[in-house]
Structures are given as structure tokens and as C-alpha cells.
Protein backbone atom coordinates (compact mmCIF):
# COMPACT_ATOMS: atom_id res chain seq x y z
CA UNK A 1 214.36 53.58 79.71
CA UNK A 2 212.35 56.82 79.84
CA UNK A 3 209.33 56.97 82.15
CA UNK A 4 207.20 59.50 84.02
CA UNK A 5 207.37 62.33 81.53
CA UNK A 6 205.15 65.36 81.06
CA UNK A 7 201.81 65.21 82.84
CA UNK A 8 202.60 61.78 84.31
CA UNK A 9 205.55 63.34 86.15
CA UNK A 10 203.36 66.22 87.35
CA UNK A 11 200.89 63.75 88.87
CA UNK A 12 203.50 61.39 90.34
CA UNK A 13 203.23 62.79 93.86
CA UNK A 14 199.44 62.56 93.68
CA UNK A 15 199.55 58.89 92.74
CA UNK A 16 202.08 58.03 95.46
CA UNK A 17 200.93 60.42 98.19
CA UNK A 18 200.28 57.50 100.53
CA UNK A 19 203.73 55.93 100.10
CA UNK A 20 205.55 55.96 103.48
CA UNK A 21 208.71 57.73 102.31
CA UNK A 22 209.69 58.85 105.82
CA UNK A 23 209.47 55.31 107.22
CA UNK A 24 211.36 53.85 104.27
CA UNK A 25 214.11 56.45 104.60
CA UNK A 26 214.36 55.64 108.30
CA UNK A 27 214.84 51.95 107.46
CA UNK A 28 217.57 52.79 104.94
CA UNK A 29 219.23 54.93 107.62
CA UNK A 30 219.03 51.97 110.02
CA UNK A 31 220.72 49.74 107.42
CA UNK A 32 223.47 52.30 106.80
CA UNK A 33 224.17 52.47 110.52
CA UNK A 34 224.02 48.73 111.12
CA UNK A 35 225.95 47.40 108.12
CA UNK A 36 228.30 50.26 107.37
CA UNK A 37 231.98 49.69 108.15
CA UNK A 38 232.90 53.24 107.20
CA UNK A 39 230.93 56.20 108.53
CA UNK A 40 228.34 57.19 105.94
CA UNK A 41 228.17 60.89 105.21
CA UNK A 42 227.67 61.09 101.44
CA UNK A 43 224.92 59.20 99.60
CA UNK A 44 224.28 58.89 95.87
CA UNK A 45 220.72 58.06 94.86
CA UNK A 46 219.87 56.51 91.49
CA UNK A 47 216.38 57.04 90.02
CA UNK A 48 215.38 59.59 92.66
CA UNK A 49 212.06 60.45 91.02
CA UNK A 50 210.62 63.61 92.58
CA UNK A 51 213.13 63.42 95.43
CA UNK A 52 210.91 62.25 98.29
CA UNK A 53 213.30 59.57 99.58
CA UNK A 54 216.32 61.88 99.29
CA UNK A 55 214.57 64.70 101.14
CA UNK A 56 213.50 62.33 103.91
CA UNK A 57 216.95 60.74 104.19
CA UNK A 58 218.66 64.14 104.32
CA UNK A 59 217.04 64.73 107.71
CA UNK A 60 219.42 62.13 109.17
CA UNK A 61 222.38 64.34 108.28
CA UNK A 62 223.52 62.85 104.96
CA UNK A 63 224.85 64.86 102.03
CA UNK A 64 222.90 63.57 99.04
CA UNK A 65 223.33 63.71 95.29
CA UNK A 66 220.03 62.54 93.78
CA UNK A 67 219.99 61.50 90.12
CA UNK A 68 217.33 60.51 87.62
CA UNK A 69 216.87 59.85 83.90
CA UNK A 70 213.64 61.90 83.62
CA UNK A 71 214.19 65.65 83.33
CA UNK A 72 210.53 66.20 84.19
CA UNK A 73 210.87 64.28 87.47
CA UNK A 74 214.10 66.12 88.28
CA UNK A 75 212.36 69.47 87.75
CA UNK A 76 209.83 68.53 90.41
CA UNK A 77 212.55 67.24 92.73
CA UNK A 78 214.48 70.51 92.43
CA UNK A 79 211.33 72.52 93.08
CA UNK A 80 210.54 70.51 96.22
CA UNK A 81 214.13 70.84 97.46
CA UNK A 82 214.08 74.60 96.93
CA UNK A 83 210.78 74.96 98.77
CA UNK A 84 212.20 73.06 101.76
CA UNK A 85 215.56 74.83 101.74
CA UNK A 86 217.22 71.47 101.12
CA UNK A 87 220.81 71.00 99.98
CA UNK A 88 220.02 67.81 98.03
CA UNK A 89 221.80 68.12 94.67
CA UNK A 90 219.56 66.86 91.84
CA UNK A 91 221.44 65.81 88.70
CA UNK A 92 220.57 64.12 85.43
CA UNK A 93 222.20 60.72 85.02
CA UNK A 94 221.61 57.52 83.11
CA UNK A 95 222.44 54.80 85.64
CA UNK A 96 223.84 52.64 82.82
CA UNK A 97 226.56 55.24 82.13
CA UNK A 98 226.91 56.63 85.63
CA UNK A 99 229.45 59.45 85.96
CA UNK A 100 229.00 61.71 88.99
CA UNK A 101 231.86 64.10 89.69
CA UNK A 102 231.38 64.06 93.46
CA UNK A 103 232.40 60.38 93.80
CA UNK A 104 233.35 58.39 95.76
CA UNK A 105 230.36 58.04 98.08
CA UNK A 106 230.02 55.99 101.24
CA UNK A 107 226.65 54.69 100.05
CA UNK A 108 224.56 54.37 96.91
CA UNK A 109 220.81 53.74 97.00
CA UNK A 110 218.24 52.86 94.34
CA UNK A 111 214.70 52.46 95.69
CA UNK A 112 211.11 51.86 94.55
CA UNK A 113 212.16 48.92 92.31
CA UNK A 114 213.87 51.37 89.96
CA UNK A 115 216.75 49.07 89.07
CA UNK A 116 214.11 47.10 87.13
CA UNK A 117 214.00 49.82 84.49
CA UNK A 118 217.30 48.29 83.35
CA UNK A 119 216.15 45.14 81.60
CA UNK A 120 219.10 43.09 80.35
CA UNK A 121 221.88 41.29 82.21
CA UNK A 122 224.42 43.31 80.24
CA UNK A 123 222.93 46.63 81.32
CA UNK A 124 222.40 45.47 84.91
CA UNK A 125 226.09 44.59 84.97
CA UNK A 126 226.94 48.06 83.63
CA UNK A 127 224.88 49.62 86.41
CA UNK A 128 226.48 47.51 89.13
CA UNK A 129 229.99 48.24 87.86
CA UNK A 130 229.13 51.94 87.77
CA UNK A 131 227.87 51.79 91.35
CA UNK A 132 231.06 49.98 92.33
CA UNK A 133 233.17 52.78 90.77
CA UNK A 134 231.21 55.39 92.70
CA UNK A 135 231.58 53.74 96.11
CA UNK A 136 234.50 54.04 98.46
CA UNK A 137 236.03 50.76 99.73
CA UNK A 138 233.53 48.97 102.02
CA UNK A 139 230.76 51.32 100.88
CA UNK A 140 227.17 50.05 100.84
CA UNK A 141 224.72 49.62 97.97
CA UNK A 142 221.10 49.48 99.15
CA UNK A 143 218.45 48.87 96.51
CA UNK A 144 214.94 47.53 96.02
CA UNK A 145 213.62 45.26 93.28
CA UNK A 146 210.49 43.45 92.17
CA UNK A 147 210.52 39.86 93.36
CA UNK A 148 209.84 37.25 90.67
CA UNK A 149 208.51 34.83 93.29
CA UNK A 150 205.47 37.07 93.85
CA UNK A 151 205.19 38.63 90.40
CA UNK A 152 204.81 35.40 88.42
CA UNK A 153 201.88 33.87 90.35
CA UNK A 154 200.23 37.03 91.65
CA UNK A 155 200.40 39.97 89.22
CA UNK A 156 197.19 41.82 88.28
CA UNK A 157 196.53 41.96 84.51
CA UNK A 158 194.29 45.01 85.02
CA UNK A 159 194.21 47.42 87.94
CA UNK A 160 192.06 50.54 88.34
CA UNK A 161 192.66 53.25 90.94
CA UNK A 162 191.02 56.60 91.62
CA UNK A 163 192.17 59.81 93.31
CA UNK A 164 190.06 62.83 94.16
CA UNK A 165 190.99 66.23 92.79
CA UNK A 166 189.41 69.60 93.71
CA UNK A 167 186.84 69.54 90.89
CA UNK A 168 186.67 65.91 89.82
CA UNK A 169 188.91 62.86 89.98
CA UNK A 170 191.82 61.05 88.39
CA UNK A 171 191.42 57.49 87.16
CA UNK A 172 194.48 55.41 86.31
CA UNK A 173 194.09 52.08 84.54
CA UNK A 174 197.17 49.82 84.57
CA UNK A 175 197.28 46.92 82.12
CA UNK A 176 200.17 44.50 82.69
CA UNK A 177 201.61 41.76 80.51
CA UNK A 178 204.47 39.51 81.60
CA UNK A 179 207.27 38.19 79.44
CA UNK A 180 208.45 35.23 81.48
CA UNK A 181 211.48 34.59 79.26
CA UNK A 182 212.83 38.15 79.50
CA UNK A 183 211.49 38.49 83.09
CA UNK A 184 209.80 41.79 82.31
CA UNK A 185 206.43 43.34 83.00
CA UNK A 186 205.06 45.75 80.39
CA UNK A 187 202.60 48.15 82.01
CA UNK A 188 200.32 50.34 79.91
CA UNK A 189 199.08 53.28 81.97
CA UNK A 190 195.94 55.13 80.86
CA UNK A 191 195.19 58.19 82.97
CA UNK A 192 191.94 60.17 82.83
CA UNK A 193 191.33 63.55 84.45
CA UNK A 194 187.56 63.74 84.83
CA UNK A 195 186.11 67.13 85.80
CA UNK A 196 182.77 67.82 87.41
CA UNK A 197 181.75 70.00 84.43
CA UNK A 198 181.88 66.94 82.14
CA UNK A 199 185.20 67.72 80.43
CA UNK A 200 188.25 65.50 80.66
CA UNK A 201 191.85 65.03 79.56
CA UNK A 202 193.75 61.78 79.15
CA UNK A 203 197.19 60.43 78.35
CA UNK A 204 198.98 57.11 78.13
CA UNK A 205 202.45 55.88 78.99
CA UNK A 206 204.06 52.45 78.69
CA UNK A 207 206.75 51.27 81.09
CA UNK A 208 208.76 48.05 81.04
CA UNK A 209 210.28 46.78 84.28
CA UNK A 210 212.26 43.69 85.13
CA UNK A 211 211.74 41.39 88.10
CA UNK A 212 214.40 39.20 89.72
CA UNK A 213 215.00 36.11 91.81
CA UNK A 214 217.18 36.35 94.92
CA UNK A 215 219.80 33.89 93.68
CA UNK A 216 219.91 35.66 90.33
CA UNK A 217 220.52 39.04 91.92
CA UNK A 218 223.09 37.57 94.29
CA UNK A 219 225.01 36.16 91.32
CA UNK A 220 224.90 39.51 89.50
CA UNK A 221 226.20 41.31 92.58
CA UNK A 222 229.00 38.80 93.13
CA UNK A 223 230.08 39.03 89.49
CA UNK A 224 230.62 42.77 90.01
CA UNK A 225 232.64 42.38 93.22
CA UNK A 226 229.86 43.07 95.69
CA UNK A 227 229.19 40.99 98.79
CA UNK A 228 225.45 40.54 99.42
CA UNK A 229 224.77 41.09 103.12
CA UNK A 230 220.99 41.04 103.66
CA UNK A 231 217.72 40.53 101.84
CA UNK A 232 214.67 42.08 103.45
CA UNK A 233 210.99 41.66 102.68
CA UNK A 234 210.32 45.29 101.85
CA UNK A 235 211.31 47.95 104.37
CA UNK A 236 211.03 45.72 107.41
CA UNK A 237 213.23 43.52 109.57
CA UNK A 238 211.52 40.48 108.06
CA UNK A 239 214.15 38.39 106.26
CA UNK A 240 211.68 35.70 105.18
CA UNK A 241 211.28 36.00 101.41
CA UNK A 242 208.39 34.02 99.92
CA UNK A 243 205.67 34.17 97.26
CA UNK A 244 204.00 37.03 99.15
CA UNK A 245 207.12 39.22 99.01
CA UNK A 246 206.59 41.70 96.20
CA UNK A 247 209.52 43.97 96.99
CA UNK A 248 212.97 42.91 98.15
CA UNK A 249 215.37 45.37 99.75
CA UNK A 250 218.99 44.29 99.29
CA UNK A 251 222.06 45.41 101.19
CA UNK A 252 225.44 44.75 99.57
CA UNK A 253 228.99 45.86 100.33
CA UNK A 254 231.68 46.90 97.86
């Protein structure tokens, strides 16, 4: 399940500099306020990455424990938190064997399609049961996943993106293959750091992520004693999910 290690982790915030973390955190806050039965003070984040969502969400007054499987990503998250004087607590956890001492929490979140790093029904069930154990009664689980309805007909086999750096540029080539039986996308990342003096460095990393149908995810949630409440098309009030919906944000209650 490892991803974003070494240099890839160092460049993560470059590659996702244009992601609207503040707006997404505000939408999660809105969901916590609207659908929460209990007052939400403590939040557990799974797969926090470099901590951008947690740091943005903390501004609304939540106490946050942010966890991730990648030590390299956690190192960056801790550095960012220290620089901002944040109290976000960054901890290593494997979401499949979740065991956070500070439980229970009023809410658990897992954003940026990160639940898809868990690929089998058995492991998804382990994650959901772990989340259930870490929530107080009536606590909320808010998470985002890749939508199979858009992935199957619309994925890009090859995608190339570029980012400027002070003395050159980064090029990232993403090559994607789908396994429609396992409902997974294998993405081979090739990253090149091209300098103006003609020198370059490169590295590769392969990630495998799962995509889901709404009914499938609803059944998985129900089997683990969650009540699905809402399905949003991304971080918006749009509840219409169709073949153009790449990311689904789900709200469920313990």
C-alpha cells in the first residue's frame, strides 16, 4: 500500500499546489456542522499526506490527529505543522490495522480518494470496522473515492504534465491501466527533473488504486454498521452523480 516515498513525497506539494485544500476543508466543515448529531471537536484523518487538509480544517477549531502510511509524507506534514505553529498531531498508521490511542473521535475523514489504496473487499471491511471502532456513537465518517462510473469510460491511458522550477522544469508522465475485474487502476509515474544546464534526474513509482460504484460502497458501509447519509459530486452541493463525476464525497454515520 506504500506510495509517495522519497523524492516523490518531497515534490507532492509542487504537483498539487493548485488543489483547493482550503475550499475542500470548508466543505467538510459544512458537512460536519450539517449532519453531525453530536458536536464535533475531535477529528481523525486517514491518509493525511503532507497535512494540507488537516491544517486547513484545524482553522475551524477542530483538534486533529492526522495519520498516514508514508513516513516520508508524515515528515513533510510535521514540518509544515511546526512552521505554522499548528497543534495537528501527525502519527503513523496503517488504516487496515487502525489503532489510535486518542479514540473515540466525533469524526473521521479520508480524502483525496485515499481509501482506494485499500484494494480488496476484505481490507475495505477492515478499514470500515476500524473507523467504526474509532468513532463515538453517532459520529461521522466523511471520505472521498474514485467513481467507477467516470473511470471506466473516461480514464486517460497516458497523461503528461509540467511544472516550472527555478532553473528548469518537472515533467510527470502518468501511464494508467485498468483491471475491470478487480476494479483497480495501476498508475506508473515517471518524473523527470530537467535543468537549464542540460542535466536531469528521474525516478519512477507505481501506485494501484481502487474505484467504486455508489451502490457497492453503500453496501460496504451498511455491512459495517454505518448509515450512508449523502453522496456528493466532489466538494460541492451537487448530489447528481453521473458519468462525469470522477470523485464522490460520502457522508456516513456510525
